[in-house]
Each structure stands twice: as C-alpha cells, then as structure tokens.
Amino acid sequence: MHAPALARADVGVAMGSDVALETADIALIQDRLDRVPYAIDLSRATMRRIRENITLSIVVKFGVALLAILGFVTLWMAVAVGDMGLSLAVILNALRLGRIKPEKA
C-alpha cells in the first residue's frame, strides 16, 4: 500500500512489510524510531570515511608514482606501500565506523 509512495519519495524509512522494506532507503529491522538519528549519524560518518579513503588513495598513489618516476622508489616498494599498505590503511580507517554507537535513550 505504501510502497509506491516510498518509491517516489526522496528518502523513505520503512518498518514492517516486506514490500515496504525493499522499497525504502532506510529499513528499520526493529520498530524503534529512536534509531533514525543513529542511522543518519552512521551514514554521515560513512560518507566521511569514503571521502577520506579516496583522498588518501589518490594522494599516496600520486606520491608513489612521482617518487617511482624520479627513481626513489622501486617496484616492490611501490607495490608494498602504494597497493598493499594503502589497502590496509583503507580497511583500518573503515573499521573505525564500528566504534560509532547509538546514544542511549
């Protein structure tokens, strides 16, 4: 019944029916509206981490490429730092999202 309205909305929050949950942007598994601010905070923090990770990746890749062109970095150093090291840094930065806890009501 509400799924068409959710589909047309800019942002939809649903709880309950399977159709509504599939259509909504945010699906509340528990019927607790007090968790919506937590979902918003978590999504904002996630976007910050994505921007940080992309920026870090571009800067490090550019720096390693520049140092490789100038002859200061060997191929294995570029792979170790620019690829594996950067992958680890991105993963560790993303894991910081797990520390965001909902406020107690």
PDB file of N, CA and C in Angstrom:
ATOM      1  N   MET A   1       0.818  -1.183   0.000  1.00  0.00           N
ATOM      2  CA  MET A   1       0.000   0.000   0.000  1.00  0.00           C
ATOM      3  C   MET A   1       0.867   1.253   0.000  1.00  0.00           C
ATOM      4  N   HIS A   2       1.903   1.294   0.853  1.00  0.00           N
ATOM      5  CA  HIS A   2       2.751   2.479   0.956  1.00  0.00           C
ATOM      6  C   HIS A   2       3.987   2.385   0.069  1.00  0.00           C
ATOM      7  N   ALA A   3       4.242   1.237  -0.518  1.00  0.00           N
ATOM      8  CA  ALA A   3       5.449   1.048  -1.325  1.00  0.00           C
ATOM      9  C   ALA A   3       5.531   2.024  -2.499  1.00  0.00           C
ATOM     10  N   PRO A   4       4.434   2.302  -3.252  1.00  0.00           N
ATOM     11  CA  PRO A   4       4.553   3.286  -4.335  1.00  0.00           C
ATOM     12  C   PRO A   4       4.944   4.674  -3.839  1.00  0.00           C
ATOM     13  N   ALA A   5       4.425   5.067  -2.690  1.00  0.00           N
ATOM     14  CA  ALA A   5       4.792   6.371  -2.126  1.00  0.00           C
ATOM     15  C   ALA A   5       6.261   6.378  -1.719  1.00  0.00           C
ATOM     16  N   LEU A   6       6.739   5.278  -1.135  1.00  0.00           N
ATOM     17  CA  LEU A   6       8.145   5.190  -0.765  1.00  0.00           C
ATOM     18  C   LEU A   6       9.038   5.235  -1.993  1.00  0.00           C
ATOM     19  N   ALA A   7       8.604   4.600  -3.066  1.00  0.00           N
ATOM     20  CA  ALA A   7       9.401   4.563  -4.290  1.00  0.00           C
ATOM     21  C   ALA A   7       9.545   5.954  -4.902  1.00  0.00           C
ATOM     22  N   ARG A   8       8.549   6.790  -4.752  1.00  0.00           N
ATOM     23  CA  ARG A   8       8.596   8.142  -5.325  1.00  0.00           C
ATOM     24  C   ARG A   8       9.272   9.148  -4.407  1.00  0.00           C
ATOM     25  N   ALA A   9       9.424   8.821  -3.142  1.00  0.00           N
ATOM     26  CA  ALA A   9       9.993   9.762  -2.167  1.00  0.00           C
ATOM     27  C   ALA A   9      11.496   9.913  -2.371  1.00  0.00           C
ATOM     28  N   ASP A  10      12.025  11.047  -1.920  1.00  0.00           N
ATOM     29  CA  ASP A  10      13.473  11.256  -1.953  1.00  0.00           C
ATOM     30  C   ASP A  10      14.169  10.341  -0.959  1.00  0.00           C
ATOM     31  N   VAL A  11      13.617  10.241   0.231  1.00  0.00           N
ATOM     32  CA  VAL A  11      14.149   9.365   1.267  1.00  0.00           C
ATOM     33  C   VAL A  11      12.972   8.670   1.923  1.00  0.00           C
ATOM     34  N   GLY A  12      13.070   7.357   2.067  1.00  0.00           N
ATOM     35  CA  GLY A  12      11.984   6.614   2.685  1.00  0.00           C
ATOM     36  C   GLY A  12      12.479   5.756   3.823  1.00  0.00           C
ATOM     37  N   VAL A  13      11.726   5.745   4.906  1.00  0.00           N
ATOM     38  CA  VAL A  13      12.033   4.905   6.062  1.00  0.00           C
ATOM     39  C   VAL A  13      10.864   3.952   6.231  1.00  0.00           C
ATOM     40  N   ALA A  14      11.173   2.661   6.353  1.00  0.00           N
ATOM     41  CA  ALA A  14      10.096   1.674   6.457  1.00  0.00           C
ATOM     42  C   ALA A  14      10.385   0.688   7.559  1.00  0.00           C
ATOM     43  N   MET A  15       9.312   0.147   8.117  1.00  0.00           N
ATOM     44  CA  MET A  15       9.403  -0.965   9.049  1.00  0.00           C
ATOM     45  C   MET A  15       8.122  -1.770   8.859  1.00  0.00           C
ATOM     46  N   GLY A  16       8.280  -3.056   8.901  1.00  0.00           N
ATOM     47  CA  GLY A  16       7.078  -3.866   8.771  1.00  0.00           C
ATOM     48  C   GLY A  16       7.062  -4.733   7.546  1.00  0.00           C
ATOM     49  N   SER A  17       6.275  -4.369   6.543  1.00  0.00           N
ATOM     50  CA  SER A  17       6.023  -5.253   5.403  1.00  0.00           C
ATOM     51  C   SER A  17       7.262  -5.425   4.530  1.00  0.00           C
ATOM     52  N   ASP A  18       7.351  -6.584   3.899  1.00  0.00           N
ATOM     53  CA  ASP A  18       8.498  -6.901   3.046  1.00  0.00           C
ATOM     54  C   ASP A  18       8.596  -5.962   1.853  1.00  0.00           C
ATOM     55  N   VAL A  19       7.467  -5.620   1.254  1.00  0.00           N
ATOM     56  CA  VAL A  19       7.463  -4.737   0.091  1.00  0.00           C
ATOM     57  C   VAL A  19       7.975  -3.359   0.475  1.00  0.00           C
ATOM     58  N   ALA A  20       7.512  -2.846   1.592  1.00  0.00           N
ATOM     59  CA  ALA A  20       7.950  -1.527   2.053  1.00  0.00           C
ATOM     60  C   ALA A  20       9.435  -1.548   2.394  1.00  0.00           C
ATOM     61  N   LEU A  21       9.897  -2.614   3.036  1.00  0.00           N
ATOM     62  CA  LEU A  21      11.310  -2.701   3.396  1.00  0.00           C
ATOM     63  C   LEU A  21      12.203  -2.750   2.170  1.00  0.00           C
ATOM     64  N   GLU A  22      11.758  -3.407   1.099  1.00  0.00           N
ATOM     65  CA  GLU A  22      12.549  -3.475  -0.125  1.00  0.00           C
ATOM     66  C   GLU A  22      12.571  -2.153  -0.864  1.00  0.00           C
ATOM     67  N   THR A  23      11.527  -1.358  -0.718  1.00  0.00           N
ATOM     68  CA  THR A  23      11.406  -0.099  -1.440  1.00  0.00           C
ATOM     69  C   THR A  23      12.096   1.053  -0.716  1.00  0.00           C
ATOM     70  N   ALA A  24      12.163   0.999   0.583  1.00  0.00           N
ATOM     71  CA  ALA A  24      12.662   2.122   1.384  1.00  0.00           C
ATOM     72  C   ALA A  24      14.171   2.264   1.282  1.00  0.00           C
ATOM     73  N   ASP A  25      14.647   3.490   1.516  1.00  0.00           N
ATOM     74  CA  ASP A  25      16.084   3.766   1.580  1.00  0.00           C
ATOM     75  C   ASP A  25      16.662   3.292   2.902  1.00  0.00           C
ATOM     76  N   ILE A  26      15.889   3.429   3.954  1.00  0.00           N
ATOM     77  CA  ILE A  26      16.302   3.004   5.292  1.00  0.00           C
ATOM     78  C   ILE A  26      15.281   1.993   5.789  1.00  0.00           C
ATOM     79  N   ALA A  27      15.740   0.832   6.181  1.00  0.00           N
ATOM     80  CA  ALA A  27      14.836  -0.194   6.696  1.00  0.00           C
ATOM     81  C   ALA A  27      15.139  -0.406   8.169  1.00  0.00           C
ATOM     82  N   LEU A  28      14.140  -0.204   8.996  1.00  0.00           N
ATOM     83  CA  LEU A  28      14.287  -0.419  10.428  1.00  0.00           C
ATOM     84  C   LEU A  28      13.869  -1.852  10.743  1.00  0.00           C
ATOM     85  N   ILE A  29      14.819  -2.657  11.157  1.00  0.00           N
ATOM     86  CA  ILE A  29      14.523  -4.046  11.467  1.00  0.00           C
ATOM     87  C   ILE A  29      13.698  -4.118  12.753  1.00  0.00           C
ATOM     88  N   GLN A  30      14.098  -3.345  13.736  1.00  0.00           N
ATOM     89  CA  GLN A  30      13.316  -3.240  14.960  1.00  0.00           C
ATOM     90  C   GLN A  30      12.395  -2.039  14.814  1.00  0.00           C
ATOM     91  N   ASP A  31      11.219  -2.099  15.355  1.00  0.00           N
ATOM     92  CA  ASP A  31      10.276  -0.985  15.261  1.00  0.00           C
ATOM     93  C   ASP A  31      10.630   0.087  16.288  1.00  0.00           C
ATOM     94  N   ARG A  32      11.805   0.700  16.075  1.00  0.00           N
ATOM     95  CA  ARG A  32      12.281   1.722  17.012  1.00  0.00           C
ATOM     96  C   ARG A  32      12.683   2.962  16.228  1.00  0.00           C
ATOM     97  N   LEU A  33      11.827   3.951  16.252  1.00  0.00           N
ATOM     98  CA  LEU A  33      12.118   5.186  15.534  1.00  0.00           C
ATOM     99  C   LEU A  33      13.238   5.988  16.182  1.00  0.00           C
ATOM    100  N   ASP A  34      13.558   5.692  17.440  1.00  0.00           N
ATOM    101  CA  ASP A  34      14.627   6.421  18.103  1.00  0.00           C
ATOM    102  C   ASP A  34      15.998   6.083  17.502  1.00  0.00           C
ATOM    103  N   ARG A  35      16.090   5.083  16.635  1.00  0.00           N
ATOM    104  CA  ARG A  35      17.353   4.710  15.985  1.00  0.00           C
ATOM    105  C   ARG A  35      17.606   5.483  14.693  1.00  0.00           C
ATOM    106  N   VAL A  36      16.639   6.266  14.227  1.00  0.00           N
ATOM    107  CA  VAL A  36      16.812   7.031  12.995  1.00  0.00           C
ATOM    108  C   VAL A  36      17.959   8.033  13.115  1.00  0.00           C
ATOM    109  N   PRO A  37      18.087   8.798  14.208  1.00  0.00           N
ATOM    110  CA  PRO A  37      19.246   9.695  14.313  1.00  0.00           C
ATOM    111  C   PRO A  37      20.583   8.935  14.266  1.00  0.00           C
ATOM    112  N   TYR A  38      20.621   7.746  14.856  1.00  0.00           N
ATOM    113  CA  TYR A  38      21.832   6.923  14.786  1.00  0.00           C
ATOM    114  C   TYR A  38      22.126   6.529  13.347  1.00  0.00           C
ATOM    115  N   ALA A  39      21.102   6.152  12.584  1.00  0.00           N
ATOM    116  CA  ALA A  39      21.299   5.778  11.184  1.00  0.00           C
ATOM    117  C   ALA A  39      21.822   6.965  10.377  1.00  0.00           C
ATOM    118  N   ILE A  40      21.316   8.141  10.674  1.00  0.00           N
ATOM    119  CA  ILE A  40      21.773   9.348   9.977  1.00  0.00           C
ATOM    120  C   ILE A  40      23.225   9.641  10.338  1.00  0.00           C
ATOM    121  N   ASP A  41      23.560   9.579  11.635  1.00  0.00           N
ATOM    122  CA  ASP A  41      24.945   9.802  12.061  1.00  0.00           C
ATOM    123  C   ASP A  41      25.889   8.785  11.430  1.00  0.00           C
ATOM    124  N   LEU A  42      25.468   7.535  11.396  1.00  0.00           N
ATOM    125  CA  LEU A  42      26.302   6.487  10.814  1.00  0.00           C
ATOM    126  C   LEU A  42      26.500   6.699   9.318  1.00  0.00           C
ATOM    127  N   SER A  43      25.455   7.115   8.627  1.00  0.00           N
ATOM    128  CA  SER A  43      25.597   7.351   7.183  1.00  0.00           C
ATOM    129  C   SER A  43      26.500   8.544   6.904  1.00  0.00           C
ATOM    130  N   ARG A  44      26.415   9.576   7.721  1.00  0.00           N
ATOM    131  CA  ARG A  44      27.312  10.733   7.544  1.00  0.00           C
ATOM    132  C   ARG A  44      28.760  10.350   7.824  1.00  0.00           C
ATOM    133  N   ALA A  45      28.976   9.565   8.864  1.00  0.00           N
ATOM    134  CA  ALA A  45      30.328   9.104   9.176  1.00  0.00           C
ATOM    135  C   ALA A  45      30.860   8.202   8.071  1.00  0.00           C
ATOM    136  N   THR A  46      29.997   7.396   7.494  1.00  0.00           N
ATOM    137  CA  THR A  46      30.408   6.525   6.396  1.00  0.00           C
ATOM    138  C   THR A  46      30.843   7.348   5.189  1.00  0.00           C
ATOM    139  N   MET A  47      30.091   8.373   4.867  1.00  0.00           N
ATOM    140  CA  MET A  47      30.478   9.233   3.737  1.00  0.00           C
ATOM    141  C   MET A  47      31.789   9.954   4.018  1.00  0.00           C
ATOM    142  N   ARG A  48      32.015  10.367   5.271  1.00  0.00           N
ATOM    143  CA  ARG A  48      33.303  10.990   5.617  1.00  0.00           C
ATOM    144  C   ARG A  48      34.442  10.010   5.394  1.00  0.00           C
ATOM    145  N   ARG A  49      34.259   8.759   5.837  1.00  0.00           N
ATOM    146  CA  ARG A  49      35.310   7.743   5.663  1.00  0.00           C
ATOM    147  C   ARG A  49      35.577   7.474   4.191  1.00  0.00           C
ATOM    148  N   ILE A  50      34.514   7.444   3.392  1.00  0.00           N
ATOM    149  CA  ILE A  50      34.689   7.227   1.954  1.00  0.00           C
ATOM    150  C   ILE A  50      35.509   8.351   1.350  1.00  0.00           C
ATOM    151  N   ARG A  51      35.180   9.589   1.703  1.00  0.00           N
ATOM    152  CA  ARG A  51      35.946  10.730   1.181  1.00  0.00           C
ATOM    153  C   ARG A  51      37.401  10.682   1.655  1.00  0.00           C
ATOM    154  N   GLU A  52      37.612  10.351   2.936  1.00  0.00           N
ATOM    155  CA  GLU A  52      38.980  10.226   3.463  1.00  0.00           C
ATOM    156  C   GLU A  52      39.754   9.154   2.713  1.00  0.00           C
ATOM    157  N   ASN A  53      39.117   8.004   2.497  1.00  0.00           N
ATOM    158  CA  ASN A  53      39.801   6.900   1.836  1.00  0.00           C
ATOM    159  C   ASN A  53      40.139   7.220   0.387  1.00  0.00           C
ATOM    160  N   ILE A  54      39.233   7.872  -0.320  1.00  0.00           N
ATOM    161  CA  ILE A  54      39.510   8.251  -1.699  1.00  0.00           C
ATOM    162  C   ILE A  54      40.626   9.276  -1.762  1.00  0.00           C
ATOM    163  N   THR A  55      40.580  10.279  -0.896  1.00  0.00           N
ATOM    164  CA  THR A  55      41.619  11.301  -0.876  1.00  0.00           C
ATOM    165  C   THR A  55      42.979  10.689  -0.538  1.00  0.00           C
ATOM    166  N   LEU A  56      43.010   9.854   0.491  1.00  0.00           N
ATOM    167  CA  LEU A  56      44.259   9.190   0.877  1.00  0.00           C
ATOM    168  C   LEU A  56      44.800   8.351  -0.270  1.00  0.00           C
ATOM    169  N   SER A  57      43.938   7.619  -0.931  1.00  0.00           N
ATOM    170  CA  SER A  57      44.365   6.766  -2.035  1.00  0.00           C
ATOM    171  C   SER A  57      44.970   7.585  -3.165  1.00  0.00           C
ATOM    172  N   ILE A  58      44.305   8.654  -3.547  1.00  0.00           N
ATOM    173  CA  ILE A  58      44.807   9.491  -4.642  1.00  0.00           C
ATOM    174  C   ILE A  58      46.142  10.115  -4.283  1.00  0.00           C
ATOM    175  N   VAL A  59      46.256  10.650  -3.078  1.00  0.00           N
ATOM    176  CA  VAL A  59      47.498  11.310  -2.662  1.00  0.00           C
ATOM    177  C   VAL A  59      48.655  10.314  -2.597  1.00  0.00           C
ATOM    178  N   VAL A  60      48.426   9.167  -1.983  1.00  0.00           N
ATOM    179  CA  VAL A  60      49.502   8.178  -1.846  1.00  0.00           C
ATOM    180  C   VAL A  60      49.893   7.619  -3.203  1.00  0.00           C
ATOM    181  N   LYS A  61      48.922   7.267  -4.044  1.00  0.00           N
ATOM    182  CA  LYS A  61      49.228   6.730  -5.373  1.00  0.00           C
ATOM    183  C   LYS A  61      50.003   7.744  -6.203  1.00  0.00           C
ATOM    184  N   PHE A  62      49.577   8.994  -6.159  1.00  0.00           N
ATOM    185  CA  PHE A  62      50.285  10.040  -6.900  1.00  0.00           C
ATOM    186  C   PHE A  62      51.709  10.209  -6.370  1.00  0.00           C
ATOM    187  N   GLY A  63      51.842  10.237  -5.044  1.00  0.00           N
ATOM    188  CA  GLY A  63      53.170  10.392  -4.453  1.00  0.00           C
ATOM    189  C   GLY A  63      54.100   9.245  -4.782  1.00  0.00           C
ATOM    190  N   VAL A  64      53.601   8.021  -4.698  1.00  0.00           N
ATOM    191  CA  VAL A  64      54.424   6.850  -5.019  1.00  0.00           C
ATOM    192  C   VAL A  64      54.792   6.857  -6.498  1.00  0.00           C
ATOM    193  N   ALA A  65      53.839   7.209  -7.368  1.00  0.00           N
ATOM    194  CA  ALA A  65      54.132   7.272  -8.803  1.00  0.00           C
ATOM    195  C   ALA A  65      55.198   8.324  -9.100  1.00  0.00           C
ATOM    196  N   LEU A  66      55.089   9.468  -8.467  1.00  0.00           N
ATOM    197  CA  LEU A  66      56.070  10.529  -8.668  1.00  0.00           C
ATOM    198  C   LEU A  66      57.458  10.093  -8.191  1.00  0.00           C
ATOM    199  N   LEU A  67      57.512   9.482  -7.002  1.00  0.00           N
ATOM    200  CA  LEU A  67      58.794   9.006  -6.488  1.00  0.00           C
ATOM    201  C   LEU A  67      59.358   7.878  -7.344  1.00  0.00           C
ATOM    202  N   ALA A  68      58.506   7.066  -7.942  1.00  0.00           N
ATOM    203  CA  ALA A  68      58.970   5.996  -8.829  1.00  0.00           C
ATOM    204  C   ALA A  68      59.550   6.574 -10.121  1.00  0.00           C
ATOM    205  N   ILE A  69      58.896   7.598 -10.653  1.00  0.00           N
ATOM    206  CA  ILE A  69      59.405   8.245 -11.861  1.00  0.00           C
ATOM    207  C   ILE A  69      60.762   8.877 -11.600  1.00  0.00           C
ATOM    208  N   LEU A  70      60.932   9.452 -10.428  1.00  0.00           N
ATOM    209  CA  LEU A  70      62.200  10.098 -10.069  1.00  0.00           C
ATOM    210  C   LEU A  70      63.266   9.090  -9.657  1.00  0.00           C
ATOM    211  N   GLY A  71      62.886   7.840  -9.509  1.00  0.00           N
ATOM    212  CA  GLY A  71      63.846   6.794  -9.199  1.00  0.00           C
ATOM    213  C   GLY A  71      64.098   6.572  -7.718  1.00  0.00           C
ATOM    214  N   PHE A  72      63.282   7.132  -6.856  1.00  0.00           N
ATOM    215  CA  PHE A  72      63.460   6.968  -5.413  1.00  0.00           C
ATOM    216  C   PHE A  72      62.745   5.744  -4.853  1.00  0.00           C
ATOM    217  N   VAL A  73      61.834   5.179  -5.630  1.00  0.00           N
ATOM    218  CA  VAL A  73      61.034   4.052  -5.172  1.00  0.00           C
ATOM    219  C   VAL A  73      61.167   2.920  -6.185  1.00  0.00           C
ATOM    220  N   THR A  74      61.427   1.731  -5.676  1.00  0.00           N
ATOM    221  CA  THR A  74      61.489   0.567  -6.554  1.00  0.00           C
ATOM    222  C   THR A  74      60.085   0.000  -6.753  1.00  0.00           C
ATOM    223  N   LEU A  75      59.980  -0.964  -7.662  1.00  0.00           N
ATOM    224  CA  LEU A  75      58.681  -1.544  -7.950  1.00  0.00           C
ATOM    225  C   LEU A  75      58.084  -2.245  -6.734  1.00  0.00           C
ATOM    226  N   TRP A  76      58.906  -3.016  -6.011  1.00  0.00           N
ATOM    227  CA  TRP A  76      58.362  -3.730  -4.854  1.00  0.00           C
ATOM    228  C   TRP A  76      57.971  -2.760  -3.747  1.00  0.00           C
ATOM    229  N   MET A  77      58.672  -1.647  -3.610  1.00  0.00           N
ATOM    230  CA  MET A  77      58.284  -0.640  -2.615  1.00  0.00           C
ATOM    231  C   MET A  77      56.949   0.012  -3.005  1.00  0.00           C
ATOM    232  N   ALA A  78      56.775   0.267  -4.309  1.00  0.00           N
ATOM    233  CA  ALA A  78      55.526   0.870  -4.779  1.00  0.00           C
ATOM    234  C   ALA A  78      54.357  -0.071  -4.533  1.00  0.00           C
ATOM    235  N   VAL A  79      54.577  -1.370  -4.760  1.00  0.00           N
ATOM    236  CA  VAL A  79      53.513  -2.342  -4.522  1.00  0.00           C
ATOM    237  C   VAL A  79      53.236  -2.471  -3.031  1.00  0.00           C
ATOM    238  N   ALA A  80      54.289  -2.529  -2.225  1.00  0.00           N
ATOM    239  CA  ALA A  80      54.119  -2.709  -0.778  1.00  0.00           C
ATOM    240  C   ALA A  80      53.424  -1.509  -0.141  1.00  0.00           C
ATOM    241  N   VAL A  81      53.840  -0.315  -0.508  1.00  0.00           N
ATOM    242  CA  VAL A  81      53.263   0.884   0.112  1.00  0.00           C
ATOM    243  C   VAL A  81      52.011   1.344  -0.627  1.00  0.00           C
ATOM    244  N   GLY A  82      52.115   1.467  -1.935  1.00  0.00           N
ATOM    245  CA  GLY A  82      51.032   2.047  -2.718  1.00  0.00           C
ATOM    246  C   GLY A  82      49.860   1.131  -2.940  1.00  0.00           C
ATOM    247  N   ASP A  83      50.054  -0.157  -2.775  1.00  0.00           N
ATOM    248  CA  ASP A  83      48.946  -1.072  -3.018  1.00  0.00           C
ATOM    249  C   ASP A  83      48.540  -1.793  -1.734  1.00  0.00           C
ATOM    250  N   MET A  84      49.399  -2.662  -1.243  1.00  0.00           N
ATOM    251  CA  MET A  84      49.043  -3.431  -0.043  1.00  0.00           C
ATOM    252  C   MET A  84      48.927  -2.542   1.187  1.00  0.00           C
ATOM    253  N   GLY A  85      49.863  -1.647   1.371  1.00  0.00           N
ATOM    254  CA  GLY A  85      49.823  -0.764   2.540  1.00  0.00           C
ATOM    255  C   GLY A  85      48.612   0.148   2.522  1.00  0.00           C
ATOM    256  N   LEU A  86      48.307   0.650   1.338  1.00  0.00           N
ATOM    257  CA  LEU A  86      47.155   1.538   1.204  1.00  0.00           C
ATOM    258  C   LEU A  86      45.848   0.776   1.405  1.00  0.00           C
ATOM    259  N   SER A  87      45.775  -0.446   0.927  1.00  0.00           N
ATOM    260  CA  SER A  87      44.585  -1.269   1.152  1.00  0.00           C
ATOM    261  C   SER A  87      44.367  -1.494   2.644  1.00  0.00           C
ATOM    262  N   LEU A  88      45.430  -1.781   3.355  1.00  0.00           N
ATOM    263  CA  LEU A  88      45.331  -1.974   4.797  1.00  0.00           C
ATOM    264  C   LEU A  88      44.894  -0.688   5.498  1.00  0.00           C
ATOM    265  N   ALA A  89      45.432   0.446   5.074  1.00  0.00           N
ATOM    266  CA  ALA A  89      45.055   1.728   5.683  1.00  0.00           C
ATOM    267  C   ALA A  89      43.575   2.031   5.453  1.00  0.00           C
ATOM    268  N   VAL A  90      43.078   1.749   4.251  1.00  0.00           N
ATOM    269  CA  VAL A  90      41.668   1.995   3.937  1.00  0.00           C
ATOM    270  C   VAL A  90      40.770   1.094   4.791  1.00  0.00           C
ATOM    271  N   ILE A  91      41.155  -0.171   4.935  1.00  0.00           N
ATOM    272  CA  ILE A  91      40.364  -1.098   5.745  1.00  0.00           C
ATOM    273  C   ILE A  91      40.346  -0.658   7.203  1.00  0.00           C
ATOM    274  N   LEU A  92      41.503  -0.302   7.732  1.00  0.00           N
ATOM    275  CA  LEU A  92      41.568   0.129   9.136  1.00  0.00           C
ATOM    276  C   LEU A  92      40.771   1.409   9.365  1.00  0.00           C
ATOM    277  N   ASN A  93      40.803   2.323   8.400  1.00  0.00           N
ATOM    278  CA  ASN A  93      40.027   3.548   8.522  1.00  0.00           C
ATOM    279  C   ASN A  93      38.524   3.237   8.507  1.00  0.00           C
ATOM    280  N   ALA A  94      38.119   2.315   7.654  1.00  0.00           N
ATOM    281  CA  ALA A  94      36.699   1.946   7.591  1.00  0.00           C
ATOM    282  C   ALA A  94      36.251   1.229   8.864  1.00  0.00           C
ATOM    283  N   LEU A  95      37.144   0.482   9.490  1.00  0.00           N
ATOM    284  CA  LEU A  95      36.780  -0.225  10.724  1.00  0.00           C
ATOM    285  C   LEU A  95      36.457   0.725  11.867  1.00  0.00           C
ATOM    286  N   ARG A  96      36.905   1.967  11.756  1.00  0.00           N
ATOM    287  CA  ARG A  96      36.579   2.956  12.783  1.00  0.00           C
ATOM    288  C   ARG A  96      35.082   3.196  12.881  1.00  0.00           C
ATOM    289  N   LEU A  97      34.322   2.861  11.826  1.00  0.00           N
ATOM    290  CA  LEU A  97      32.868   3.034  11.862  1.00  0.00           C
ATOM    291  C   LEU A  97      32.226   2.153  12.925  1.00  0.00           C
ATOM    292  N   GLY A  98      32.877   1.051  13.269  1.00  0.00           N
ATOM    293  CA  GLY A  98      32.333   0.153  14.278  1.00  0.00           C
ATOM    294  C   GLY A  98      32.313   0.752  15.668  1.00  0.00           C
ATOM    295  N   ARG A  99      33.062   1.824  15.871  1.00  0.00           N
ATOM    296  CA  ARG A  99      33.086   2.467  17.184  1.00  0.00           C
ATOM    297  C   ARG A  99      31.940   3.442  17.394  1.00  0.00           C
ATOM    298  N   ILE A 100      31.180   3.720  16.350  1.00  0.00           N
ATOM    299  CA  ILE A 100      30.047   4.637  16.469  1.00  0.00           C
ATOM    300  C   ILE A 100      28.893   3.864  17.077  1.00  0.00           C
ATOM    301  N   LYS A 101      28.468   4.277  18.247  1.00  0.00           N
ATOM    302  CA  LYS A 101      27.407   3.581  18.987  1.00  0.00           C
ATOM    303  C   LYS A 101      26.178   4.480  19.076  1.00  0.00           C
ATOM    304  N   PRO A 102      25.006   3.877  19.091  1.00  0.00           N
ATOM    305  CA  PRO A 102      23.802   4.692  19.257  1.00  0.00           C
ATOM    306  C   PRO A 102      23.735   5.266  20.668  1.00  0.00           C
ATOM    307  N   GLU A 103      23.188   6.458  20.758  1.00  0.00           N
ATOM    308  CA  GLU A 103      23.028   7.076  22.072  1.00  0.00           C
ATOM    309  C   GLU A 103      21.939   6.357  22.838  1.00  0.00           C
ATOM    310  N   LYS A 104      22.124   6.246  24.137  1.00  0.00           N
ATOM    311  CA  LYS A 104      21.108   5.619  24.976  1.00  0.00           C
ATOM    312  C   LYS A 104      19.917   6.540  25.126  1.00  0.00           C
ATOM    313  N   ALA A 105      18.730   6.018  24.923  1.00  0.00           N
ATOM    314  CA  ALA A 105      17.528   6.843  25.023  1.00  0.00           C
ATOM    315  C   ALA A 105      17.069   6.962  26.454  1.00  0.00           C
TER     316      ALA A 105
END
